[in-house]
Amino acid sequence: MDLHLTDKIALVTGASQGIGLAVAQGLAREGVQVALCARNAARVDAAARAIHTEFGVRALGIPADVTMAADIERLVQVVEERLGGVDLLIDNAGAGSEETIMEAPDERWQYYWDLHVMASVRLARGVTPSMRRRGGGVILHNASICAKQPLSHEPIYNVTKAALMMFSKCLANELIRDNIRVNCINPGLVMTEGWIEPVKQWTEGTGATWQQYLDGVARQYAPIGRFATPQEMADFFVFLCSPRASYSVGSTYYVDGGWLAGVA
C-alpha cells in the first residue's frame, strides 16, 4: 500500500531508541525526511546517520531536552532552517515514574508535567505555523494505556498521560480547520529499554532472568500474552501519519494487546 508520504518532513521526539526510533525508521522507509530529537547528542546523531545510510533519506539528529522551552524553540528553528518545515510531528518523548502521591515532591510533579504536557503544548505551538504554511499536517501524541487504566506505582505518569490525552483532543478540535489532523495513541506493553533496563536490575541475584520476569508481566496484563515490539507500534504511527487515515481526527487509539479492561 502506497502511504503517500514520500518527501514529507517529520519531527520525532524521544527518537534515539525505543518507539521513537522505530517510528523514525518506519517513516524513513516510506521516503520521509526525518529530524530526530533526544537528550543524548551522540546517540541521536548516530541514529540519524544510521537511518540516512539505510534508507537514503535526509535525517538530522538534534539534541534537545523537551522539558525546556528554550530547547523546543531551538529544535523547531533548526528543523525549519535545515529541512524547510514540518509536516508530521510525532510527540513521543516520555518516561515512566515510580512514587506515591504522599511522598512525591512538587518538583517531581512539575518535571513530568513539563515532559508529558507542556512539551506537547510548546511543540504544537512551534510547528503549527509551518504546517499551516505547507497546507496541513499530522500531530500524533504517544500517551499510554495508563491514561485510562492507571497503574498504582506511577500516579504522576498516570495523571500527566491522562492530561496529554485530553490535550490531544482539544488540539484536534482547534487545528482541523487548518487541515492538521491530531490523534493520540495509548500503547500497552512495548519491549523497550524503559522496561528492560530496570527489570535487569530488579532480577539480578533473584534466580530469575529479566526475560522470565517480563514474560510473567505479559501473561498477567495482556490477553495476547506478550509484549509488542517497537516496530509493531511504529507501523500504527506511520499509518496514522498517512493520507490513508485522512478521516481519523481527535481520536485515541489503544494498541495494547487487549490489556484495556473495558471499552474506551
Protein backbone atom coordinates (compact mmCIF):
# COMPACT_ATOMS: atom_id res chain seq x y z
CA MET A 1 0.00 0.00 0.00
CA ASP A 2 1.35 3.41 -1.00
CA LEU A 3 1.04 5.64 2.05
CA HIS A 4 1.72 8.83 0.04
CA LEU A 5 4.37 10.05 2.46
CA THR A 6 7.37 10.42 0.17
CA ASP A 7 9.32 13.65 0.77
CA LYS A 8 7.23 14.68 3.77
CA ILE A 9 9.20 16.09 6.71
CA ALA A 10 8.80 14.59 10.18
CA LEU A 11 9.97 15.67 13.62
CA VAL A 12 10.14 12.79 16.12
CA THR A 13 10.94 13.40 19.79
CA GLY A 14 12.44 10.77 22.06
CA ALA A 15 13.83 9.29 18.88
CA SER A 16 17.19 7.79 19.79
CA GLN A 17 15.71 4.48 20.99
CA GLY A 18 12.51 2.54 21.56
CA ILE A 19 9.24 3.54 19.94
CA GLY A 20 10.55 6.91 18.75
CA LEU A 21 13.46 5.38 16.87
CA ALA A 22 11.22 2.71 15.37
CA VAL A 23 8.77 5.38 14.17
CA ALA A 24 11.60 7.41 12.61
CA GLN A 25 12.82 4.29 10.82
CA GLY A 26 9.30 3.42 9.67
CA LEU A 27 8.74 6.90 8.26
CA ALA A 28 12.15 6.89 6.55
CA ARG A 29 11.23 3.58 4.92
CA GLU A 30 8.29 5.44 3.33
CA GLY A 31 10.58 8.16 1.97
CA VAL A 32 10.04 10.72 4.74
CA GLN A 33 12.82 13.11 5.71
CA VAL A 34 13.23 12.86 9.47
CA ALA A 35 14.50 15.06 12.28
CA LEU A 36 15.26 13.02 15.39
CA CYS A 37 15.31 14.70 18.79
CA ALA A 38 16.68 13.27 22.04
CA ARG A 39 18.73 14.46 25.00
CA ASN A 40 21.81 12.33 24.28
CA ALA A 41 23.67 14.08 21.44
CA ALA A 42 25.93 11.18 20.47
CA ARG A 43 23.13 8.63 20.42
CA VAL A 44 20.66 10.73 18.45
CA ASP A 45 23.33 11.66 15.91
CA ALA A 46 24.27 8.00 15.47
CA ALA A 47 20.60 7.07 14.99
CA ALA A 48 20.15 9.74 12.32
CA ARG A 49 23.29 8.66 10.48
CA ALA A 50 22.14 5.03 10.50
CA ILE A 51 18.73 5.99 9.10
CA HIS A 52 20.33 8.01 6.31
CA THR A 53 22.63 5.12 5.44
CA GLU A 54 19.87 2.50 5.42
CA PHE A 55 17.05 4.42 3.75
CA GLY A 56 18.80 7.19 1.81
CA VAL A 57 16.64 9.99 3.16
CA ARG A 58 17.79 13.17 4.86
CA ALA A 59 18.00 12.57 8.60
CA LEU A 60 19.04 15.03 11.28
CA GLY A 61 19.93 14.22 14.86
CA ILE A 62 19.18 17.20 17.11
CA PRO A 63 19.99 17.11 20.83
CA ALA A 64 17.30 18.77 22.93
CA ASP A 65 15.56 18.41 26.27
CA VAL A 66 11.85 18.90 25.61
CA THR A 67 11.17 19.83 29.23
CA MET A 68 12.95 23.11 28.44
CA ALA A 69 11.04 25.76 26.50
CA ALA A 70 14.25 27.21 25.02
CA ASP A 71 15.31 23.80 23.71
CA ILE A 72 11.98 23.33 21.94
CA GLU A 73 12.23 26.76 20.35
CA ARG A 74 15.73 25.95 19.10
CA LEU A 75 14.64 22.49 17.90
CA VAL A 76 11.83 23.88 15.77
CA GLN A 77 14.11 26.57 14.36
CA VAL A 78 16.78 24.03 13.36
CA VAL A 79 14.24 21.83 11.57
CA GLU A 80 12.83 24.88 9.79
CA GLU A 81 16.27 26.05 8.67
CA ARG A 82 17.69 22.65 7.72
CA LEU A 83 14.66 20.84 6.29
CA GLY A 84 12.24 23.64 5.41
CA GLY A 85 9.45 22.96 7.87
CA VAL A 86 7.40 20.19 9.44
CA ASP A 87 4.59 18.08 8.00
CA LEU A 88 4.46 15.40 10.70
CA LEU A 89 5.08 15.74 14.44
CA ILE A 90 5.46 12.57 16.49
CA ASP A 91 5.35 13.75 20.10
CA ASN A 92 6.85 10.66 21.68
CA ALA A 93 9.28 11.76 24.42
CA GLY A 94 8.28 10.49 27.83
CA ALA A 95 9.27 8.34 30.79
CA GLY A 96 7.68 6.22 33.48
CA SER A 97 7.60 7.29 37.10
CA GLU A 98 7.56 5.48 40.43
CA GLU A 99 6.35 7.19 43.61
CA THR A 100 3.47 7.69 45.98
CA ILE A 101 1.31 10.78 45.97
CA MET A 102 2.01 11.40 49.64
CA GLU A 103 5.80 11.33 49.23
CA ALA A 104 6.45 12.78 45.77
CA PRO A 105 7.66 16.41 45.99
CA ASP A 106 6.32 19.25 43.86
CA GLU A 107 9.47 19.21 41.75
CA ARG A 108 8.78 15.67 40.57
CA TRP A 109 5.22 16.55 39.59
CA GLN A 110 6.49 19.60 37.73
CA TYR A 111 9.14 17.63 35.83
CA TYR A 112 6.64 15.13 34.46
CA TRP A 113 4.11 17.86 33.72
CA ASP A 114 6.74 19.62 31.63
CA LEU A 115 7.77 16.36 29.94
CA HIS A 116 4.36 14.96 29.08
CA VAL A 117 2.13 18.03 28.79
CA MET A 118 3.95 21.33 28.38
CA ALA A 119 6.37 19.83 25.85
CA SER A 120 3.34 18.86 23.76
CA VAL A 121 1.83 22.32 24.10
CA ARG A 122 5.07 24.04 23.12
CA LEU A 123 5.79 21.68 20.24
CA ALA A 124 2.29 22.21 18.85
CA ARG A 125 2.69 25.98 19.02
CA GLY A 126 6.10 25.66 17.41
CA VAL A 127 5.24 23.52 14.39
CA THR A 128 1.70 24.67 13.62
CA PRO A 129 2.76 27.80 11.66
CA SER A 130 4.92 25.62 9.42
CA MET A 131 2.12 23.09 8.89
CA ARG A 132 -0.33 25.86 8.03
CA ARG A 133 2.11 27.29 5.51
CA ARG A 134 2.61 23.85 3.95
CA GLY A 135 -1.14 23.18 3.63
CA GLY A 136 -1.71 20.91 6.62
CA GLY A 137 -0.08 18.19 8.65
CA VAL A 138 -0.36 15.48 11.29
CA ILE A 139 0.38 15.57 15.03
CA LEU A 140 0.48 12.29 16.96
CA HIS A 141 0.83 12.08 20.73
CA ASN A 142 2.23 8.98 22.38
CA ALA A 143 0.36 8.69 25.69
CA SER A 144 -0.25 5.35 27.45
CA ILE A 145 -2.92 2.88 28.44
CA CYS A 146 -2.22 4.27 31.94
CA ALA A 147 -4.04 7.44 30.89
CA LYS A 148 -7.23 5.38 31.08
CA GLN A 149 -6.28 2.39 33.24
CA PRO A 150 -3.79 3.53 35.88
CA LEU A 151 -1.02 1.50 37.49
CA SER A 152 -0.76 2.06 41.23
CA HIS A 153 3.01 2.58 41.40
CA GLU A 154 3.18 5.56 39.00
CA PRO A 155 0.46 8.10 39.84
CA ILE A 156 2.32 11.04 38.27
CA TYR A 157 2.72 9.17 34.98
CA ASN A 158 -0.97 8.22 35.04
CA VAL A 159 -2.11 11.80 35.67
CA THR A 160 0.13 13.52 33.14
CA LYS A 161 -0.59 10.98 30.40
CA ALA A 162 -4.33 11.44 31.00
CA ALA A 163 -3.80 15.18 30.63
CA LEU A 164 -1.91 14.59 27.39
CA MET A 165 -4.83 12.55 26.03
CA MET A 166 -7.24 15.41 26.77
CA PHE A 167 -4.86 17.98 25.33
CA SER A 168 -4.69 15.92 22.14
CA LYS A 169 -8.48 16.02 21.80
CA CYS A 170 -8.66 19.77 22.40
CA LEU A 171 -5.85 20.44 19.96
CA ALA A 172 -7.51 18.28 17.32
CA ASN A 173 -10.70 20.33 17.50
CA GLU A 174 -8.77 23.58 17.19
CA LEU A 175 -6.46 22.63 14.32
CA ILE A 176 -8.61 20.53 11.99
CA ARG A 177 -9.80 23.76 10.32
CA ASP A 178 -6.17 24.14 9.17
CA ASN A 179 -6.12 20.60 7.73
CA ILE A 180 -3.94 19.47 10.64
CA ARG A 181 -5.04 16.09 11.99
CA VAL A 182 -4.28 15.36 15.64
CA ASN A 183 -4.62 11.94 17.26
CA CYS A 184 -3.38 10.12 20.34
CA ILE A 185 -2.02 6.58 20.72
CA ASN A 186 -2.16 4.68 24.00
CA PRO A 187 0.31 1.78 23.89
CA GLY A 188 0.22 -1.12 26.29
CA LEU A 189 3.28 -3.28 26.92
CA VAL A 190 6.11 -2.48 24.49
CA MET A 191 9.55 -4.10 24.74
CA THR A 192 11.77 -1.06 25.11
CA GLU A 193 14.81 -0.12 27.17
CA GLY A 194 12.44 1.52 29.64
CA TRP A 195 11.26 -1.95 30.61
CA ILE A 196 14.42 -3.99 30.05
CA GLU A 197 16.98 -1.95 31.98
CA PRO A 198 15.14 -1.62 35.32
CA VAL A 199 13.95 -5.22 35.21
CA LYS A 200 17.54 -6.39 34.73
CA GLN A 201 18.35 -4.60 37.98
CA TRP A 202 15.30 -5.95 39.82
CA THR A 203 16.02 -9.57 38.85
CA GLU A 204 19.76 -9.53 39.49
CA GLY A 205 20.57 -12.23 42.02
CA THR A 206 16.98 -13.50 42.24
CA GLY A 207 17.44 -16.66 40.19
CA ALA A 208 15.02 -15.42 37.52
CA THR A 209 16.03 -13.78 34.25
CA TRP A 210 14.68 -10.45 33.09
CA GLN A 211 13.03 -12.27 30.17
CA GLN A 212 11.19 -14.59 32.57
CA TYR A 213 10.04 -11.62 34.64
CA LEU A 214 8.67 -9.78 31.59
CA ASP A 215 7.01 -12.95 30.29
CA GLY A 216 5.14 -13.01 33.60
CA VAL A 217 4.13 -9.36 33.23
CA ALA A 218 2.79 -10.07 29.75
CA ARG A 219 0.78 -13.06 30.93
CA GLN A 220 -0.64 -11.02 33.81
CA TYR A 221 -1.78 -7.99 31.84
CA ALA A 222 -2.07 -8.66 28.10
CA PRO A 223 -4.52 -11.24 26.73
CA ILE A 224 -2.25 -11.57 23.71
CA GLY A 225 0.36 -12.92 26.12
CA ARG A 226 3.39 -10.95 25.01
CA PHE A 227 4.93 -7.52 24.69
CA ALA A 228 4.67 -5.59 21.42
CA THR A 229 7.84 -4.80 19.53
CA PRO A 230 8.63 -1.13 18.88
CA GLN A 231 8.27 -1.90 15.17
CA GLU A 232 4.68 -3.08 15.67
CA MET A 233 3.86 0.20 17.36
CA ALA A 234 5.68 2.16 14.67
CA ASP A 235 3.56 0.62 11.92
CA PHE A 236 0.44 2.05 13.56
CA PHE A 237 2.01 5.50 13.96
CA VAL A 238 3.14 5.55 10.34
CA PHE A 239 -0.32 4.62 9.07
CA LEU A 240 -1.93 7.43 11.08
CA CYS A 241 0.55 9.86 9.51
CA SER A 242 -0.66 8.88 6.06
CA PRO A 243 -3.48 10.42 4.00
CA ARG A 244 -4.83 6.86 4.03
CA ALA A 245 -6.00 7.75 7.56
CA SER A 246 -7.47 11.08 6.48
CA TYR A 247 -10.75 10.72 8.43
CA SER A 248 -9.02 9.94 11.73
CA VAL A 249 -9.27 13.13 13.79
CA GLY A 250 -9.26 13.70 17.54
CA SER A 251 -9.25 10.03 18.46
CA THR A 252 -7.31 7.96 20.97
CA TYR A 253 -6.26 4.52 19.78
CA TYR A 254 -5.39 1.70 22.19
CA VAL A 255 -2.66 -0.56 20.84
CA ASP A 256 -2.38 -2.79 23.87
CA GLY A 257 -2.79 -6.46 23.00
CA GLY A 258 -6.20 -6.45 24.69
CA TRP A 259 -4.98 -5.09 28.06
CA LEU A 260 -7.68 -2.40 28.46
CA ALA A 261 -10.29 -3.95 30.74
CA GLY A 262 -13.35 -2.35 29.22
CA VAL A 263 -14.37 -0.19 26.27
CA ALA A 264 -12.60 3.08 25.53
